Amino acid sequence: MWKYFGKQWGKCEECWLAYKNGVQHENSLNCYKLGIPISSLKIPLNEFLEIVKDIPGKYGIFGFPLSLLSKGVIIFYFNNEEEMMNFINKIERYVKDDLPLKEKKFFDIFVNVNWIKSVNWRRGCPEYDKKFGDWRNWKKK
């Protein structure tokens, strides 16, 4: 389902193995994920991917029944909040200001995100929240 692009992130495997062993890996504390729902793009997906080709990321186009709630999402990986915010400022002209409520609720419920206009973000993987508490309460480096 996921198609990867950009620089290799290279932090997930070690982090996921730690998660499976009940340990919160330090990588999760330095993992800022920015999600851009495909429906929030103002330009075609392939054009947008060409613009962001050097940033580590992946995208997925959702099939039925998820496609009833969202077309899919592009996920970018950053080492800190400042990098992520700088990237948002660079790409804001390519994304809409808002999304339908049902799509926002989908990501709120299943991914537990914060929103900046029509893009969402969080730290670490959503599965981490169940074992280590809400990501918003994790320590910051």
C-alpha atoms as a PDB file:
ATOM      1  CA  MET A   1       0.000   0.000   0.000  1.00  0.00           C
ATOM      2  CA  TRP A   2       2.760   2.514   0.859  1.00  0.00           C
ATOM      3  CA  LYS A   3       5.007   3.983  -1.816  1.00  0.00           C
ATOM      4  CA  TYR A   4       8.215   5.555  -0.511  1.00  0.00           C
ATOM      5  CA  PHE A   5      10.034   8.567  -1.959  1.00  0.00           C
ATOM      6  CA  GLY A   6      12.811  10.989  -1.086  1.00  0.00           C
ATOM      7  CA  LYS A   7      15.753  10.356   1.186  1.00  0.00           C
ATOM      8  CA  GLN A   8      15.616   7.180   3.222  1.00  0.00           C
ATOM      9  CA  TRP A   9      14.390   7.894   6.753  1.00  0.00           C
ATOM     10  CA  GLY A  10      16.066   4.837   8.256  1.00  0.00           C
ATOM     11  CA  LYS A  11      14.757   5.207  11.806  1.00  0.00           C
ATOM     12  CA  CYS A  12      11.604   3.105  11.807  1.00  0.00           C
ATOM     13  CA  GLU A  13      12.937  -0.446  11.976  1.00  0.00           C
ATOM     14  CA  GLU A  14      14.915   0.007  15.191  1.00  0.00           C
ATOM     15  CA  CYS A  15      12.104   2.010  16.755  1.00  0.00           C
ATOM     16  CA  TRP A  16       9.453  -0.581  15.821  1.00  0.00           C
ATOM     17  CA  LEU A  17      11.521  -3.451  17.248  1.00  0.00           C
ATOM     18  CA  ALA A  18      11.788  -1.579  20.545  1.00  0.00           C
ATOM     19  CA  TYR A  19       8.033  -0.948  20.513  1.00  0.00           C
ATOM     20  CA  LYS A  20       7.371  -4.672  20.074  1.00  0.00           C
ATOM     21  CA  ASN A  21       9.510  -5.262  23.171  1.00  0.00           C
ATOM     22  CA  GLY A  22       7.563  -2.674  25.180  1.00  0.00           C
ATOM     23  CA  VAL A  23      10.275  -0.003  25.078  1.00  0.00           C
ATOM     24  CA  GLN A  24       9.847   3.529  23.805  1.00  0.00           C
ATOM     25  CA  HIS A  25      12.821   4.098  21.539  1.00  0.00           C
ATOM     26  CA  GLU A  26      14.481   7.503  21.462  1.00  0.00           C
ATOM     27  CA  ASN A  27      13.760   7.711  17.718  1.00  0.00           C
ATOM     28  CA  SER A  28      10.067   8.128  18.494  1.00  0.00           C
ATOM     29  CA  LEU A  29      10.843  11.281  20.475  1.00  0.00           C
ATOM     30  CA  ASN A  30      12.650  12.740  17.453  1.00  0.00           C
ATOM     31  CA  CYS A  31      10.121  11.664  14.842  1.00  0.00           C
ATOM     32  CA  TYR A  32       7.761  14.337  13.605  1.00  0.00           C
ATOM     33  CA  LYS A  33       5.294  13.074  11.019  1.00  0.00           C
ATOM     34  CA  LEU A  34       3.439  15.477   8.786  1.00  0.00           C
ATOM     35  CA  GLY A  35       0.356  14.083   7.057  1.00  0.00           C
ATOM     36  CA  ILE A  36      -1.106  15.738   4.000  1.00  0.00           C
ATOM     37  CA  PRO A  37      -4.411  14.208   2.927  1.00  0.00           C
ATOM     38  CA  ILE A  38      -4.316  13.801  -0.845  1.00  0.00           C
ATOM     39  CA  SER A  39      -7.665  15.591  -1.140  1.00  0.00           C
ATOM     40  CA  SER A  40      -6.082  18.717   0.352  1.00  0.00           C
ATOM     41  CA  LEU A  41      -3.668  19.136  -2.586  1.00  0.00           C
ATOM     42  CA  LYS A  42      -4.317  21.998  -5.003  1.00  0.00           C
ATOM     43  CA  ILE A  43      -2.185  20.320  -7.687  1.00  0.00           C
ATOM     44  CA  PRO A  44      -2.016  16.720  -8.976  1.00  0.00           C
ATOM     45  CA  LEU A  45      -0.268  14.231  -6.682  1.00  0.00           C
ATOM     46  CA  ASN A  46       2.544  13.454  -9.149  1.00  0.00           C
ATOM     47  CA  GLU A  47       3.382  17.175  -9.516  1.00  0.00           C
ATOM     48  CA  PHE A  48       3.469  17.610  -5.747  1.00  0.00           C
ATOM     49  CA  LEU A  49       5.698  14.532  -5.305  1.00  0.00           C
ATOM     50  CA  GLU A  50       8.155  15.986  -7.829  1.00  0.00           C
ATOM     51  CA  ILE A  51       8.361  19.208  -5.781  1.00  0.00           C
ATOM     52  CA  VAL A  52       9.011  17.345  -2.498  1.00  0.00           C
ATOM     53  CA  LYS A  53      11.159  14.509  -3.910  1.00  0.00           C
ATOM     54  CA  ASP A  54      14.118  15.182  -1.591  1.00  0.00           C
ATOM     55  CA  ILE A  55      12.168  14.926   1.671  1.00  0.00           C
ATOM     56  CA  PRO A  56      11.807  11.468   3.276  1.00  0.00           C
ATOM     57  CA  GLY A  57       8.245  10.265   2.961  1.00  0.00           C
ATOM     58  CA  LYS A  58       5.650   7.831   1.757  1.00  0.00           C
ATOM     59  CA  TYR A  59       2.137   7.975   0.406  1.00  0.00           C
ATOM     60  CA  GLY A  60      -0.814   5.668   0.199  1.00  0.00           C
ATOM     61  CA  ILE A  61      -3.971   5.829  -1.866  1.00  0.00           C
ATOM     62  CA  PHE A  62      -6.755   4.223   0.110  1.00  0.00           C
ATOM     63  CA  GLY A  63      -9.022   1.561  -1.312  1.00  0.00           C
ATOM     64  CA  PHE A  64     -12.595   0.790  -0.336  1.00  0.00           C
ATOM     65  CA  PRO A  65     -13.924   1.165   2.376  1.00  0.00           C
ATOM     66  CA  LEU A  66     -11.338   3.699   3.661  1.00  0.00           C
ATOM     67  CA  SER A  67     -11.722   5.653   0.428  1.00  0.00           C
ATOM     68  CA  LEU A  68     -15.203   6.662   1.619  1.00  0.00           C
ATOM     69  CA  LEU A  69     -13.484   8.758   4.312  1.00  0.00           C
ATOM     70  CA  SER A  70     -10.214   9.792   2.637  1.00  0.00           C
ATOM     71  CA  LYS A  71      -8.523   9.420  -0.762  1.00  0.00           C
ATOM     72  CA  GLY A  72      -5.225   8.750   0.975  1.00  0.00           C
ATOM     73  CA  VAL A  73      -2.331  10.535   2.630  1.00  0.00           C
ATOM     74  CA  ILE A  74       1.245  11.660   2.082  1.00  0.00           C
ATOM     75  CA  ILE A  75       3.456  11.326   5.163  1.00  0.00           C
ATOM     76  CA  PHE A  76       6.725  13.205   5.620  1.00  0.00           C
ATOM     77  CA  TYR A  77       9.325  12.529   8.335  1.00  0.00           C
ATOM     78  CA  PHE A  78      11.248  15.212  10.223  1.00  0.00           C
ATOM     79  CA  ASN A  79      13.765  15.193  13.089  1.00  0.00           C
ATOM     80  CA  ASN A  80      12.152  18.084  14.959  1.00  0.00           C
ATOM     81  CA  GLU A  81       9.223  20.459  15.002  1.00  0.00           C
ATOM     82  CA  GLU A  82      11.205  23.358  13.551  1.00  0.00           C
ATOM     83  CA  GLU A  83      12.145  21.381  10.408  1.00  0.00           C
ATOM     84  CA  MET A  84       8.525  20.363   9.994  1.00  0.00           C
ATOM     85  CA  MET A  85       7.190  23.911  10.396  1.00  0.00           C
ATOM     86  CA  ASN A  86       9.726  25.271   7.885  1.00  0.00           C
ATOM     87  CA  PHE A  87       8.565  22.647   5.392  1.00  0.00           C
ATOM     88  CA  ILE A  88       4.897  23.548   5.973  1.00  0.00           C
ATOM     89  CA  ASN A  89       5.707  27.184   5.180  1.00  0.00           C
ATOM     90  CA  LYS A  90       7.403  26.134   1.921  1.00  0.00           C
ATOM     91  CA  ILE A  91       4.509  23.990   0.678  1.00  0.00           C
ATOM     92  CA  GLU A  92       1.485  25.907   1.971  1.00  0.00           C
ATOM     93  CA  ARG A  93       0.670  27.319  -1.477  1.00  0.00           C
ATOM     94  CA  TYR A  94       0.116  23.755  -2.738  1.00  0.00           C
ATOM     95  CA  VAL A  95      -2.450  22.750  -0.107  1.00  0.00           C
ATOM     96  CA  LYS A  96      -5.960  23.898   0.637  1.00  0.00           C
ATOM     97  CA  ASP A  97      -6.834  25.722   3.838  1.00  0.00           C
ATOM     98  CA  ASP A  98      -9.445  23.239   5.000  1.00  0.00           C
ATOM     99  CA  LEU A  99     -10.805  19.718   4.639  1.00  0.00           C
ATOM    100  CA  PRO A 100     -14.268  18.207   5.050  1.00  0.00           C
ATOM    101  CA  LEU A 101     -15.074  17.440   8.690  1.00  0.00           C
ATOM    102  CA  LYS A 102     -15.465  13.678   8.049  1.00  0.00           C
ATOM    103  CA  GLU A 103     -11.911  13.433   6.724  1.00  0.00           C
ATOM    104  CA  LYS A 104     -10.494  15.388   9.658  1.00  0.00           C
ATOM    105  CA  LYS A 105     -12.393  13.171  12.099  1.00  0.00           C
ATOM    106  CA  PHE A 106     -11.041  10.057  10.361  1.00  0.00           C
ATOM    107  CA  PHE A 107      -7.437  11.150  11.022  1.00  0.00           C
ATOM    108  CA  ASP A 108      -8.281  12.430  14.510  1.00  0.00           C
ATOM    109  CA  ILE A 109      -9.768   9.088  15.547  1.00  0.00           C
ATOM    110  CA  PHE A 110      -7.371   6.647  13.887  1.00  0.00           C
ATOM    111  CA  VAL A 111      -4.073   8.576  13.941  1.00  0.00           C
ATOM    112  CA  ASN A 112      -4.522  11.048  16.853  1.00  0.00           C
ATOM    113  CA  VAL A 113      -3.175  14.179  15.163  1.00  0.00           C
ATOM    114  CA  ASN A 114      -2.994  17.934  15.548  1.00  0.00           C
ATOM    115  CA  TRP A 115      -4.031  20.124  12.616  1.00  0.00           C
ATOM    116  CA  ILE A 116      -2.524  23.148  10.894  1.00  0.00           C
ATOM    117  CA  LYS A 117      -5.137  24.122   8.327  1.00  0.00           C
ATOM    118  CA  SER A 118      -5.541  21.019   6.109  1.00  0.00           C
ATOM    119  CA  VAL A 119      -2.353  19.206   7.158  1.00  0.00           C
ATOM    120  CA  ASN A 120      -1.901  17.119  10.277  1.00  0.00           C
ATOM    121  CA  TRP A 121       1.043  16.106  12.399  1.00  0.00           C
ATOM    122  CA  ARG A 122       2.098  13.981  15.326  1.00  0.00           C
ATOM    123  CA  ARG A 123       5.186  12.439  16.903  1.00  0.00           C
ATOM    124  CA  GLY A 124       5.978   8.754  16.491  1.00  0.00           C
ATOM    125  CA  CYS A 125       3.574   6.073  15.318  1.00  0.00           C
ATOM    126  CA  PRO A 126      -0.088   6.013  16.421  1.00  0.00           C
ATOM    127  CA  GLU A 127       0.412   2.564  17.974  1.00  0.00           C
ATOM    128  CA  TYR A 128       2.863   4.098  20.448  1.00  0.00           C
ATOM    129  CA  ASP A 129       0.072   6.055  22.145  1.00  0.00           C
ATOM    130  CA  LYS A 130      -1.504   2.889  23.545  1.00  0.00           C
ATOM    131  CA  LYS A 131       1.731   1.755  25.212  1.00  0.00           C
ATOM    132  CA  PHE A 132       3.414   5.042  26.109  1.00  0.00           C
ATOM    133  CA  GLY A 133       0.567   7.549  26.440  1.00  0.00           C
ATOM    134  CA  ASP A 134      -0.554  10.386  24.210  1.00  0.00           C
ATOM    135  CA  TRP A 135       2.354  11.689  22.120  1.00  0.00           C
ATOM    136  CA  ARG A 136       1.541  15.255  23.184  1.00  0.00           C
ATOM    137  CA  ASN A 137       2.781  14.371  26.694  1.00  0.00           C
ATOM    138  CA  TRP A 138       6.101  12.816  25.661  1.00  0.00           C
ATOM    139  CA  LYS A 139       9.269  14.604  26.755  1.00  0.00           C
ATOM    140  CA  LYS A 140      10.917  16.905  24.260  1.00  0.00           C
ATOM    141  CA  LYS A 141      14.623  16.825  23.534  1.00  0.00           C
END
